[in-house]
Amino acid sequence: MTSTPVDSTADVPPTTRRWSPGGCVWCGSRTDIETFRDEPRCAECREHENTIDAARRFIGMYGLRPLGGAVTSDDDEELEHRTAARASRAALDRVRLPKRPGAADVRKASARAGASASVRSAPARSTTAATKPAPSGVVTDVDVSVLADRVAGLLEQLSAIDVGITDAESSTGLPARARLSDLQRQRATVMSTLAALEKARRGSAN
């Protein structure tokens, strides 16, 4: 007699997504986090929020019917805004955390992260009685490795941003322009960081 295999995963409860410090306060993602409306938000959530904001600005500018309800309009641009806003709202609703963190928890996490960054960036000191600052421009082997990893990550991020810019430039309408503006700001930030890392690398080689 052949026994029927038992699905051992049937009784395993689904994993509940929770926010952790450094993650997006809306969906919990830890990818490409930036401050948006005084909160840490990921790139995908920021893009959806910008799309909805663009639709609201367009509707407010022309005194049109508020967002929500039926997505109908005789005007192509208005219909595009309403459709994009509804899709973005649905996407945000799908990824929303079951329980979002409180503002106080987010502020505490940001304060701790800032304090940790300050400690990591403090100049090295010798452990001898007569403490002296480490010579300027000296970068340890560990620092060089960290720089290389950071540069590699930024270059990957830059490639993804360039692809997004190309897609946005080929699109039309306010949502595409808002996304293009956001991507261009991200690219400028990445390029500035890469320039600073290259300066540090050159200093370590002297």
N, C-alpha and C. Protein backbone atom coordinates (compact mmCIF):
# COMPACT_ATOMS: atom_id res chain seq x y z
N MET A 1 0.85 -1.20 0.00
CA MET A 1 0.00 0.00 0.00
C MET A 1 0.88 1.24 0.00
N THR A 2 0.61 2.13 -0.93
CA THR A 2 1.44 3.33 -1.06
C THR A 2 0.88 4.45 -0.19
N SER A 3 1.74 5.02 0.65
CA SER A 3 1.29 6.10 1.52
C SER A 3 1.29 7.43 0.78
N THR A 4 0.35 8.28 1.13
CA THR A 4 0.25 9.60 0.49
C THR A 4 1.23 10.56 1.15
N PRO A 5 2.11 11.21 0.36
CA PRO A 5 3.09 12.14 0.96
C PRO A 5 2.39 13.30 1.64
N VAL A 6 2.95 13.72 2.74
CA VAL A 6 2.36 14.81 3.52
C VAL A 6 3.12 16.09 3.24
N ASP A 7 2.38 17.14 2.94
CA ASP A 7 3.00 18.44 2.69
C ASP A 7 3.37 19.07 4.03
N SER A 8 4.65 19.07 4.35
CA SER A 8 5.10 19.57 5.66
C SER A 8 4.99 21.07 5.77
N THR A 9 4.79 21.76 4.63
CA THR A 9 4.72 23.23 4.67
C THR A 9 3.30 23.72 4.88
N ALA A 10 2.33 22.78 4.86
CA ALA A 10 0.93 23.22 4.94
C ALA A 10 0.61 23.87 6.27
N ASP A 11 1.28 23.41 7.34
CA ASP A 11 0.99 23.94 8.67
C ASP A 11 1.92 25.07 9.08
N VAL A 12 2.82 25.49 8.18
CA VAL A 12 3.76 26.55 8.51
C VAL A 12 3.08 27.90 8.29
N PRO A 13 2.94 28.71 9.33
CA PRO A 13 2.26 30.00 9.16
C PRO A 13 3.10 30.95 8.32
N PRO A 14 2.46 31.84 7.56
CA PRO A 14 3.22 32.80 6.75
C PRO A 14 4.03 33.74 7.63
N THR A 15 5.18 34.16 7.10
CA THR A 15 6.05 35.08 7.85
C THR A 15 5.45 36.48 7.84
N THR A 16 5.35 37.07 9.01
CA THR A 16 4.83 38.43 9.11
C THR A 16 5.95 39.44 8.88
N ARG A 17 5.75 40.33 7.92
CA ARG A 17 6.77 41.34 7.64
C ARG A 17 6.76 42.39 8.74
N ARG A 18 7.94 42.73 9.22
CA ARG A 18 8.06 43.76 10.25
C ARG A 18 9.11 44.78 9.82
N TRP A 19 8.95 45.99 10.32
CA TRP A 19 9.93 47.04 10.05
C TRP A 19 11.13 46.86 10.96
N SER A 20 12.31 47.13 10.43
CA SER A 20 13.53 47.13 11.24
C SER A 20 14.28 48.42 10.94
N PRO A 21 15.05 48.94 11.90
CA PRO A 21 15.77 50.20 11.69
C PRO A 21 16.59 50.18 10.40
N GLY A 22 16.49 51.26 9.65
CA GLY A 22 17.19 51.35 8.38
C GLY A 22 16.34 50.96 7.19
N GLY A 23 15.13 50.44 7.45
CA GLY A 23 14.26 50.01 6.37
C GLY A 23 13.20 51.05 6.04
N CYS A 24 12.51 50.83 4.93
CA CYS A 24 11.42 51.71 4.51
C CYS A 24 10.27 51.58 5.49
N VAL A 25 9.74 52.70 5.96
CA VAL A 25 8.68 52.66 6.98
C VAL A 25 7.35 52.20 6.39
N TRP A 26 7.25 52.13 5.08
CA TRP A 26 5.99 51.71 4.46
C TRP A 26 5.98 50.21 4.15
N CYS A 27 7.05 49.72 3.48
CA CYS A 27 7.04 48.32 3.06
C CYS A 27 8.10 47.47 3.75
N GLY A 28 9.07 48.11 4.43
CA GLY A 28 10.11 47.36 5.12
C GLY A 28 11.34 47.09 4.29
N SER A 29 11.32 47.43 2.99
CA SER A 29 12.49 47.19 2.14
C SER A 29 13.70 47.97 2.65
N ARG A 30 14.89 47.42 2.40
CA ARG A 30 16.12 48.10 2.80
C ARG A 30 16.94 48.51 1.57
N THR A 31 16.28 48.55 0.41
CA THR A 31 16.96 48.87 -0.85
C THR A 31 16.81 50.35 -1.21
N ASP A 32 17.94 51.02 -1.44
CA ASP A 32 17.95 52.42 -1.91
C ASP A 32 17.07 53.30 -1.02
N ILE A 33 17.43 53.36 0.26
CA ILE A 33 16.64 54.14 1.22
C ILE A 33 17.09 55.60 1.22
N GLU A 34 16.12 56.49 1.13
CA GLU A 34 16.36 57.93 1.24
C GLU A 34 15.24 58.55 2.07
N THR A 35 15.52 59.73 2.62
CA THR A 35 14.50 60.43 3.40
C THR A 35 13.46 61.03 2.47
N PHE A 36 12.21 60.72 2.72
CA PHE A 36 11.09 61.22 1.91
C PHE A 36 9.99 61.63 2.88
N ARG A 37 9.67 62.93 2.89
CA ARG A 37 8.69 63.47 3.84
C ARG A 37 9.09 63.13 5.28
N ASP A 38 10.36 63.31 5.55
CA ASP A 38 10.92 63.12 6.90
C ASP A 38 10.87 61.67 7.36
N GLU A 39 10.75 60.73 6.43
CA GLU A 39 10.75 59.31 6.77
C GLU A 39 11.66 58.54 5.81
N PRO A 40 12.27 57.45 6.29
CA PRO A 40 13.06 56.62 5.36
C PRO A 40 12.13 55.83 4.45
N ARG A 41 12.28 56.02 3.14
CA ARG A 41 11.44 55.31 2.18
C ARG A 41 12.32 54.74 1.07
N CYS A 42 11.93 53.60 0.51
CA CYS A 42 12.69 52.97 -0.56
C CYS A 42 12.35 53.64 -1.90
N ALA A 43 13.14 53.32 -2.93
CA ALA A 43 12.98 53.97 -4.23
C ALA A 43 11.62 53.65 -4.84
N GLU A 44 11.16 52.39 -4.71
CA GLU A 44 9.88 52.01 -5.32
C GLU A 44 8.73 52.77 -4.69
N CYS A 45 8.72 52.86 -3.35
CA CYS A 45 7.64 53.59 -2.69
C CYS A 45 7.69 55.08 -3.02
N ARG A 46 8.91 55.64 -3.08
CA ARG A 46 9.03 57.07 -3.43
C ARG A 46 8.47 57.33 -4.82
N GLU A 47 8.74 56.43 -5.74
CA GLU A 47 8.26 56.61 -7.11
C GLU A 47 6.73 56.58 -7.15
N HIS A 48 6.13 55.64 -6.42
CA HIS A 48 4.67 55.57 -6.39
C HIS A 48 4.07 56.83 -5.75
N GLU A 49 4.68 57.29 -4.67
CA GLU A 49 4.18 58.49 -4.01
C GLU A 49 4.30 59.71 -4.93
N ASN A 50 5.40 59.80 -5.67
CA ASN A 50 5.59 60.92 -6.60
C ASN A 50 4.55 60.88 -7.72
N THR A 51 4.22 59.67 -8.18
CA THR A 51 3.20 59.53 -9.22
C THR A 51 1.84 60.03 -8.74
N ILE A 52 1.50 59.66 -7.50
CA ILE A 52 0.22 60.11 -6.93
C ILE A 52 0.24 61.63 -6.72
N ASP A 53 1.37 62.16 -6.25
CA ASP A 53 1.48 63.61 -6.04
C ASP A 53 1.33 64.37 -7.36
N ALA A 54 1.94 63.82 -8.42
CA ALA A 54 1.85 64.47 -9.73
C ALA A 54 0.40 64.51 -10.20
N ALA A 55 -0.34 63.43 -9.97
CA ALA A 55 -1.75 63.39 -10.36
C ALA A 55 -2.56 64.41 -9.55
N ARG A 56 -2.27 64.51 -8.27
CA ARG A 56 -3.00 65.46 -7.43
C ARG A 56 -2.73 66.90 -7.86
N ARG A 57 -1.46 67.19 -8.21
CA ARG A 57 -1.13 68.54 -8.65
C ARG A 57 -1.87 68.88 -9.95
N PHE A 58 -1.90 67.92 -10.87
CA PHE A 58 -2.57 68.15 -12.15
C PHE A 58 -4.06 68.40 -11.93
N ILE A 59 -4.68 67.57 -11.11
CA ILE A 59 -6.11 67.70 -10.85
C ILE A 59 -6.42 68.99 -10.11
N GLY A 60 -5.57 69.35 -9.14
CA GLY A 60 -5.78 70.59 -8.41
C GLY A 60 -5.60 71.81 -9.28
N MET A 61 -4.64 71.75 -10.22
CA MET A 61 -4.36 72.89 -11.08
C MET A 61 -5.56 73.22 -11.97
N TYR A 62 -6.30 72.17 -12.38
CA TYR A 62 -7.43 72.41 -13.28
C TYR A 62 -8.78 72.28 -12.58
N GLY A 63 -8.77 72.12 -11.25
CA GLY A 63 -10.01 72.03 -10.50
C GLY A 63 -10.87 70.85 -10.90
N LEU A 64 -10.24 69.70 -11.14
CA LEU A 64 -10.97 68.51 -11.60
C LEU A 64 -11.47 67.67 -10.42
N ARG A 65 -12.25 66.66 -10.75
CA ARG A 65 -12.77 65.75 -9.73
C ARG A 65 -11.61 65.09 -8.97
N PRO A 66 -11.71 65.00 -7.63
CA PRO A 66 -10.61 64.41 -6.85
C PRO A 66 -10.32 62.97 -7.27
N LEU A 67 -9.13 62.49 -6.92
CA LEU A 67 -8.76 61.11 -7.20
C LEU A 67 -9.67 60.16 -6.45
N GLY A 68 -9.80 58.95 -6.98
CA GLY A 68 -10.66 57.96 -6.37
C GLY A 68 -11.91 57.75 -7.21
N GLY A 69 -12.56 56.64 -6.98
CA GLY A 69 -13.76 56.35 -7.76
C GLY A 69 -13.40 55.86 -9.15
N ALA A 70 -14.31 56.11 -10.09
CA ALA A 70 -14.11 55.62 -11.46
C ALA A 70 -12.97 56.36 -12.14
N VAL A 71 -12.18 55.61 -12.89
CA VAL A 71 -11.07 56.22 -13.65
C VAL A 71 -11.58 56.49 -15.06
N THR A 72 -12.26 57.60 -15.22
CA THR A 72 -12.81 57.97 -16.53
C THR A 72 -12.54 59.44 -16.79
N SER A 73 -12.31 59.77 -18.05
CA SER A 73 -12.11 61.16 -18.45
C SER A 73 -12.09 61.25 -19.96
N ASP A 74 -12.55 62.36 -20.48
CA ASP A 74 -12.48 62.60 -21.92
C ASP A 74 -11.12 63.15 -22.32
N ASP A 75 -10.33 63.58 -21.33
CA ASP A 75 -9.01 64.14 -21.60
C ASP A 75 -7.96 63.06 -21.40
N ASP A 76 -7.10 62.87 -22.41
CA ASP A 76 -6.11 61.79 -22.36
C ASP A 76 -5.12 61.98 -21.22
N GLU A 77 -4.67 63.22 -21.01
CA GLU A 77 -3.67 63.45 -19.97
C GLU A 77 -4.27 63.23 -18.58
N GLU A 78 -5.50 63.68 -18.38
CA GLU A 78 -6.15 63.45 -17.10
C GLU A 78 -6.34 61.95 -16.86
N LEU A 79 -6.74 61.23 -17.89
CA LEU A 79 -6.94 59.78 -17.76
C LEU A 79 -5.63 59.09 -17.43
N GLU A 80 -4.54 59.57 -18.04
CA GLU A 80 -3.22 58.99 -17.76
C GLU A 80 -2.85 59.18 -16.29
N HIS A 81 -3.09 60.38 -15.77
CA HIS A 81 -2.79 60.66 -14.36
C HIS A 81 -3.63 59.79 -13.43
N ARG A 82 -4.93 59.71 -13.72
CA ARG A 82 -5.82 58.94 -12.86
C ARG A 82 -5.45 57.45 -12.87
N THR A 83 -5.14 56.94 -14.04
CA THR A 83 -4.78 55.52 -14.16
C THR A 83 -3.47 55.23 -13.44
N ALA A 84 -2.47 56.11 -13.63
CA ALA A 84 -1.17 55.91 -12.99
C ALA A 84 -1.29 56.02 -11.47
N ALA A 85 -2.08 56.98 -11.00
CA ALA A 85 -2.26 57.16 -9.56
C ALA A 85 -2.96 55.95 -8.93
N ARG A 86 -3.97 55.42 -9.62
CA ARG A 86 -4.67 54.25 -9.07
C ARG A 86 -3.74 53.04 -9.02
N ALA A 87 -2.92 52.86 -10.07
CA ALA A 87 -1.99 51.74 -10.07
C ALA A 87 -0.95 51.88 -8.96
N SER A 88 -0.47 53.11 -8.75
CA SER A 88 0.52 53.34 -7.69
C SER A 88 -0.09 53.13 -6.31
N ARG A 89 -1.32 53.58 -6.12
CA ARG A 89 -1.98 53.38 -4.82
C ARG A 89 -2.18 51.90 -4.55
N ALA A 90 -2.58 51.14 -5.58
CA ALA A 90 -2.77 49.70 -5.41
C ALA A 90 -1.44 49.02 -5.06
N ALA A 91 -0.35 49.46 -5.72
CA ALA A 91 0.96 48.88 -5.45
C ALA A 91 1.40 49.17 -4.02
N LEU A 92 1.15 50.40 -3.55
CA LEU A 92 1.50 50.74 -2.17
C LEU A 92 0.68 49.95 -1.16
N ASP A 93 -0.59 49.75 -1.46
CA ASP A 93 -1.45 48.98 -0.56
C ASP A 93 -1.00 47.52 -0.47
N ARG A 94 -0.49 46.99 -1.59
CA ARG A 94 -0.06 45.59 -1.60
C ARG A 94 1.16 45.36 -0.72
N VAL A 95 2.06 46.34 -0.67
CA VAL A 95 3.32 46.12 0.06
C VAL A 95 3.33 46.75 1.45
N ARG A 96 2.23 47.38 1.83
CA ARG A 96 2.20 48.05 3.13
C ARG A 96 2.40 47.06 4.28
N LEU A 97 3.24 47.45 5.23
CA LEU A 97 3.49 46.62 6.40
C LEU A 97 2.21 46.44 7.21
N PRO A 98 2.01 45.26 7.80
CA PRO A 98 0.83 45.06 8.66
C PRO A 98 0.78 46.07 9.80
N LYS A 99 1.96 46.43 10.32
CA LYS A 99 2.03 47.42 11.39
C LYS A 99 3.20 48.35 11.11
N ARG A 100 2.91 49.60 10.81
CA ARG A 100 3.96 50.57 10.52
C ARG A 100 4.59 51.06 11.82
N PRO A 101 5.88 51.41 11.79
CA PRO A 101 6.55 51.89 13.01
C PRO A 101 6.06 53.27 13.40
N GLY A 102 6.11 53.55 14.70
CA GLY A 102 5.73 54.87 15.18
C GLY A 102 6.80 55.89 14.86
N ALA A 103 6.41 57.15 14.80
CA ALA A 103 7.36 58.22 14.47
C ALA A 103 8.50 58.27 15.48
N ALA A 104 8.20 58.01 16.76
CA ALA A 104 9.24 58.05 17.79
C ALA A 104 10.28 56.96 17.56
N ASP A 105 9.83 55.75 17.16
CA ASP A 105 10.76 54.66 16.89
C ASP A 105 11.66 54.98 15.70
N VAL A 106 11.08 55.61 14.68
CA VAL A 106 11.87 55.97 13.49
C VAL A 106 12.92 57.01 13.85
N ARG A 107 12.53 58.01 14.67
CA ARG A 107 13.49 59.05 15.06
C ARG A 107 14.63 58.46 15.89
N LYS A 108 14.29 57.56 16.80
CA LYS A 108 15.33 56.94 17.62
C LYS A 108 16.30 56.14 16.77
N ALA A 109 15.77 55.38 15.82
CA ALA A 109 16.62 54.58 14.94
C ALA A 109 17.53 55.47 14.10
N SER A 110 16.98 56.58 13.59
CA SER A 110 17.78 57.51 12.79
C SER A 110 18.88 58.14 13.63
N ALA A 111 18.56 58.48 14.90
CA ALA A 111 19.55 59.07 15.79
C ALA A 111 20.67 58.09 16.09
N ARG A 112 20.31 56.83 16.32
CA ARG A 112 21.33 55.81 16.59
C ARG A 112 22.22 55.59 15.37
N ALA A 113 21.59 55.57 14.18
CA ALA A 113 22.37 55.38 12.96
C ALA A 113 23.34 56.53 12.74
N GLY A 114 22.87 57.76 13.02
CA GLY A 114 23.75 58.92 12.88
C GLY A 114 24.91 58.88 13.84
N ALA A 115 24.65 58.43 15.09
CA ALA A 115 25.71 58.34 16.09
C ALA A 115 26.72 57.28 15.69
N SER A 116 26.24 56.15 15.17
CA SER A 116 27.15 55.07 14.74
C SER A 116 28.02 55.52 13.58
N ALA A 117 27.41 56.27 12.65
CA ALA A 117 28.18 56.77 11.50
C ALA A 117 29.26 57.73 11.96
N SER A 118 28.95 58.56 12.96
CA SER A 118 29.93 59.52 13.47
C SER A 118 31.11 58.79 14.12
N VAL A 119 30.79 57.71 14.84
CA VAL A 119 31.86 56.94 15.49
C VAL A 119 32.74 56.28 14.45
N ARG A 120 32.09 55.72 13.39
CA ARG A 120 32.88 55.03 12.35
C ARG A 120 33.75 56.00 11.58
N SER A 121 33.30 57.24 11.42
CA SER A 121 34.06 58.20 10.61
C SER A 121 35.08 58.99 11.44
N ALA A 122 35.14 58.76 12.75
CA ALA A 122 36.09 59.49 13.60
C ALA A 122 37.51 59.06 13.26
N PRO A 123 38.50 59.97 13.29
CA PRO A 123 39.88 59.61 12.95
C PRO A 123 40.44 58.61 13.96
N ALA A 124 41.29 57.71 13.45
CA ALA A 124 41.89 56.68 14.31
C ALA A 124 42.87 57.32 15.27
N ARG A 125 42.95 56.78 16.49
CA ARG A 125 43.87 57.27 17.51
C ARG A 125 44.74 56.12 18.00
N SER A 126 45.97 56.42 18.34
CA SER A 126 46.84 55.38 18.88
C SER A 126 46.45 55.09 20.31
N THR A 127 46.82 53.89 20.79
CA THR A 127 46.43 53.47 22.14
C THR A 127 47.53 53.77 23.15
N THR A 128 48.56 54.47 22.75
CA THR A 128 49.64 54.81 23.68
C THR A 128 49.20 55.93 24.60
N ALA A 129 49.96 56.16 25.66
CA ALA A 129 49.61 57.19 26.63
C ALA A 129 49.54 58.55 25.96
N ALA A 130 50.52 58.87 25.11
CA ALA A 130 50.51 60.15 24.40
C ALA A 130 49.74 59.95 23.11
N THR A 131 48.43 60.07 23.17
CA THR A 131 47.60 59.82 21.99
C THR A 131 47.80 60.91 20.96
N LYS A 132 47.93 60.47 19.69
CA LYS A 132 48.12 61.41 18.59
C LYS A 132 47.19 61.01 17.46
N PRO A 133 46.71 61.98 16.70
CA PRO A 133 45.85 61.64 15.57
C PRO A 133 46.63 60.84 14.53
N ALA A 134 45.94 59.95 13.84
CA ALA A 134 46.58 59.20 12.76
C ALA A 134 46.99 60.16 11.66
N PRO A 135 48.13 59.92 11.00
CA PRO A 135 48.58 60.81 9.94
C PRO A 135 47.51 60.99 8.88
N SER A 136 47.39 62.20 8.40
CA SER A 136 46.39 62.50 7.39
C SER A 136 46.68 61.75 6.10
N GLY A 137 45.59 61.21 5.48
CA GLY A 137 45.71 60.51 4.20
C GLY A 137 46.02 59.04 4.34
N VAL A 138 46.28 58.54 5.58
CA VAL A 138 46.60 57.13 5.75
C VAL A 138 45.33 56.32 5.70
N VAL A 139 45.28 55.30 4.85
CA VAL A 139 44.13 54.42 4.75
C VAL A 139 44.61 53.00 4.93
N THR A 140 44.05 52.26 5.86
CA THR A 140 44.48 50.90 6.14
C THR A 140 44.01 49.97 5.04
N ASP A 141 44.53 48.71 5.09
CA ASP A 141 44.11 47.72 4.11
C ASP A 141 42.60 47.47 4.19
N VAL A 142 42.07 47.47 5.40
CA VAL A 142 40.64 47.28 5.58
C VAL A 142 39.87 48.41 4.92
N ASP A 143 40.37 49.64 5.08
CA ASP A 143 39.70 50.80 4.47
C ASP A 143 39.68 50.69 2.94
N VAL A 144 40.79 50.23 2.36
CA VAL A 144 40.87 50.09 0.91
C VAL A 144 39.84 49.07 0.43
N SER A 145 39.70 47.98 1.17
CA SER A 145 38.73 46.95 0.81
C SER A 145 37.31 47.50 0.89
N VAL A 146 37.05 48.27 1.93
CA VAL A 146 35.72 48.86 2.09
C VAL A 146 35.43 49.83 0.94
N LEU A 147 36.44 50.63 0.57
CA LEU A 147 36.28 51.57 -0.53
C LEU A 147 35.94 50.84 -1.82
N ALA A 148 36.65 49.73 -2.09
CA ALA A 148 36.42 48.98 -3.32
C ALA A 148 35.01 48.41 -3.36
N ASP A 149 34.56 47.87 -2.23
CA ASP A 149 33.20 47.32 -2.18
C ASP A 149 32.16 48.41 -2.38
N ARG A 150 32.42 49.56 -1.77
CA ARG A 150 31.46 50.67 -1.88
C ARG A 150 31.39 51.17 -3.33
N VAL A 151 32.52 51.29 -3.96
CA VAL A 151 32.55 51.75 -5.36
C VAL A 151 31.81 50.77 -6.26
N ALA A 152 32.04 49.46 -6.06
CA ALA A 152 31.37 48.45 -6.88
C ALA A 152 29.86 48.54 -6.72
N GLY A 153 29.41 48.72 -5.47
CA GLY A 153 27.97 48.84 -5.24
C GLY A 153 27.38 50.08 -5.87
N LEU A 154 28.11 51.19 -5.79
CA LEU A 154 27.63 52.44 -6.37
C LEU A 154 27.58 52.37 -7.89
N LEU A 155 28.55 51.68 -8.49
CA LEU A 155 28.55 51.54 -9.95
C LEU A 155 27.36 50.71 -10.42
N GLU A 156 27.02 49.67 -9.66
CA GLU A 156 25.83 48.89 -10.00
C GLU A 156 24.57 49.75 -9.89
N GLN A 157 24.51 50.55 -8.82
CA GLN A 157 23.37 51.43 -8.61
C GLN A 157 23.29 52.46 -9.73
N LEU A 158 24.45 52.98 -10.16
CA LEU A 158 24.48 53.97 -11.23
C LEU A 158 23.96 53.38 -12.54
N SER A 159 24.32 52.12 -12.83
CA SER A 159 23.85 51.47 -14.05
C SER A 159 22.33 51.34 -14.03
N ALA A 160 21.78 50.95 -12.87
CA ALA A 160 20.33 50.81 -12.76
C ALA A 160 19.63 52.16 -12.92
N ILE A 161 20.24 53.21 -12.36
CA ILE A 161 19.65 54.55 -12.48
C ILE A 161 19.67 55.01 -13.94
N ASP A 162 20.78 54.75 -14.65
CA ASP A 162 20.88 55.15 -16.06
C ASP A 162 19.82 54.46 -16.91
N VAL A 163 19.56 53.18 -16.60
CA VAL A 163 18.51 52.46 -17.33
C VAL A 163 17.16 53.11 -17.07
N GLY A 164 16.91 53.45 -15.79
CA GLY A 164 15.65 54.11 -15.44
C GLY A 164 15.50 55.46 -16.12
N ILE A 165 16.60 56.22 -16.20
CA ILE A 165 16.56 57.52 -16.87
C ILE A 165 16.22 57.37 -18.35
N THR A 166 16.82 56.37 -18.99
CA THR A 166 16.54 56.13 -20.41
C THR A 166 15.07 55.80 -20.62
N ASP A 167 14.52 54.97 -19.73
CA ASP A 167 13.10 54.63 -19.85
C ASP A 167 12.22 55.86 -19.62
N ALA A 168 12.56 56.66 -18.60
CA ALA A 168 11.76 57.84 -18.28
C ALA A 168 11.81 58.87 -19.41
N GLU A 169 12.98 59.01 -20.03
CA GLU A 169 13.13 59.99 -21.12
C GLU A 169 12.29 59.60 -22.34
N SER A 170 12.04 58.29 -22.50
CA SER A 170 11.26 57.85 -23.65
C SER A 170 9.76 57.90 -23.38
N SER A 171 9.38 58.23 -22.13
CA SER A 171 7.96 58.31 -21.77
C SER A 171 7.52 59.77 -21.77
N THR A 172 6.21 59.95 -21.73
CA THR A 172 5.65 61.30 -21.72
C THR A 172 4.72 61.47 -20.52
N GLY A 173 4.38 62.70 -20.21
CA GLY A 173 3.46 62.98 -19.12
C GLY A 173 4.17 63.36 -17.84
N LEU A 174 3.42 63.91 -16.92
CA LEU A 174 3.97 64.37 -15.64
C LEU A 174 4.56 63.25 -14.80
N PRO A 175 3.93 62.05 -14.74
CA PRO A 175 4.54 60.98 -13.94
C PRO A 175 5.95 60.65 -14.40
N ALA A 176 6.15 60.60 -15.72
CA ALA A 176 7.47 60.28 -16.25
C ALA A 176 8.47 61.39 -15.92
N ARG A 177 8.02 62.67 -16.00
CA ARG A 177 8.91 63.78 -15.68
C ARG A 177 9.29 63.78 -14.21
N ALA A 178 8.33 63.44 -13.34
CA ALA A 178 8.62 63.38 -11.90
C ALA A 178 9.62 62.27 -11.61
N ARG A 179 9.44 61.12 -12.26
CA ARG A 179 10.37 60.00 -12.06
C ARG A 179 11.76 60.35 -12.61
N LEU A 180 11.80 61.02 -13.76
CA LEU A 180 13.08 61.42 -14.34
C LEU A 180 13.82 62.38 -13.41
N SER A 181 13.10 63.33 -12.83
CA SER A 181 13.72 64.29 -11.91
C SER A 181 14.29 63.58 -10.69
N ASP A 182 13.55 62.61 -10.15
CA ASP A 182 14.01 61.86 -8.98
C ASP A 182 15.26 61.05 -9.33
N LEU A 183 15.25 60.40 -10.50
CA LEU A 183 16.40 59.60 -10.91
C LEU A 183 17.63 60.47 -11.15
N GLN A 184 17.43 61.66 -11.72
CA GLN A 184 18.56 62.55 -11.96
C GLN A 184 19.19 63.03 -10.65
N ARG A 185 18.34 63.27 -9.63
CA ARG A 185 18.87 63.63 -8.31
C ARG A 185 19.67 62.46 -7.72
N GLN A 186 19.14 61.25 -7.86
CA GLN A 186 19.86 60.08 -7.36
C GLN A 186 21.21 59.93 -8.07
N ARG A 187 21.22 60.17 -9.39
CA ARG A 187 22.46 60.01 -10.15
C ARG A 187 23.51 61.03 -9.70
N ALA A 188 23.07 62.27 -9.46
CA ALA A 188 23.99 63.31 -9.00
C ALA A 188 24.60 62.93 -7.65
N THR A 189 23.78 62.36 -6.76
CA THR A 189 24.27 61.95 -5.45
C THR A 189 25.30 60.84 -5.57
N VAL A 190 25.00 59.85 -6.42
CA VAL A 190 25.93 58.72 -6.62
C VAL A 190 27.25 59.22 -7.22
N MET A 191 27.17 60.11 -8.22
CA MET A 191 28.39 60.62 -8.85
C MET A 191 29.24 61.40 -7.85
N SER A 192 28.59 62.19 -6.99
CA SER A 192 29.31 62.95 -5.97
C SER A 192 30.01 62.02 -5.00
N THR A 193 29.33 60.94 -4.60
CA THR A 193 29.93 59.97 -3.68
C THR A 193 31.10 59.25 -4.34
N LEU A 194 30.95 58.88 -5.61
CA LEU A 194 32.04 58.21 -6.33
C LEU A 194 33.28 59.12 -6.42
N ALA A 195 33.05 60.41 -6.65
CA ALA A 195 34.17 61.35 -6.74
C ALA A 195 34.90 61.43 -5.40
N ALA A 196 34.14 61.44 -4.31
CA ALA A 196 34.76 61.51 -2.98
C ALA A 196 35.55 60.24 -2.68
N LEU A 197 35.02 59.08 -3.08
CA LEU A 197 35.72 57.82 -2.85
C LEU A 197 37.00 57.74 -3.69
N GLU A 198 36.94 58.26 -4.91
CA GLU A 198 38.13 58.26 -5.77
C GLU A 198 39.22 59.15 -5.16
N LYS A 199 38.81 60.28 -4.59
CA LYS A 199 39.77 61.17 -3.93
C LYS A 199 40.43 60.47 -2.75
N ALA A 200 39.61 59.72 -1.99
CA ALA A 200 40.15 58.98 -0.84
C ALA A 200 41.10 57.89 -1.30
N ARG A 201 40.75 57.22 -2.42
CA ARG A 201 41.61 56.15 -2.94
C ARG A 201 42.97 56.70 -3.37
N ARG A 202 42.95 57.86 -4.04
CA ARG A 202 44.20 58.47 -4.47
C ARG A 202 45.06 58.89 -3.27
N GLY A 203 44.37 59.36 -2.24
CA GLY A 203 45.10 59.75 -1.03
C GLY A 203 45.78 58.56 -0.38
N SER A 204 45.14 57.38 -0.44
CA SER A 204 45.73 56.20 0.19
C SER A 204 46.93 55.68 -0.59
N ALA A 205 46.99 56.03 -1.89
CA ALA A 205 48.09 55.53 -2.71
C ALA A 205 49.35 56.37 -2.55
N ASN A 206 49.23 57.57 -1.98
CA ASN A 206 50.39 58.45 -1.80
C ASN A 206 51.23 58.02 -0.60
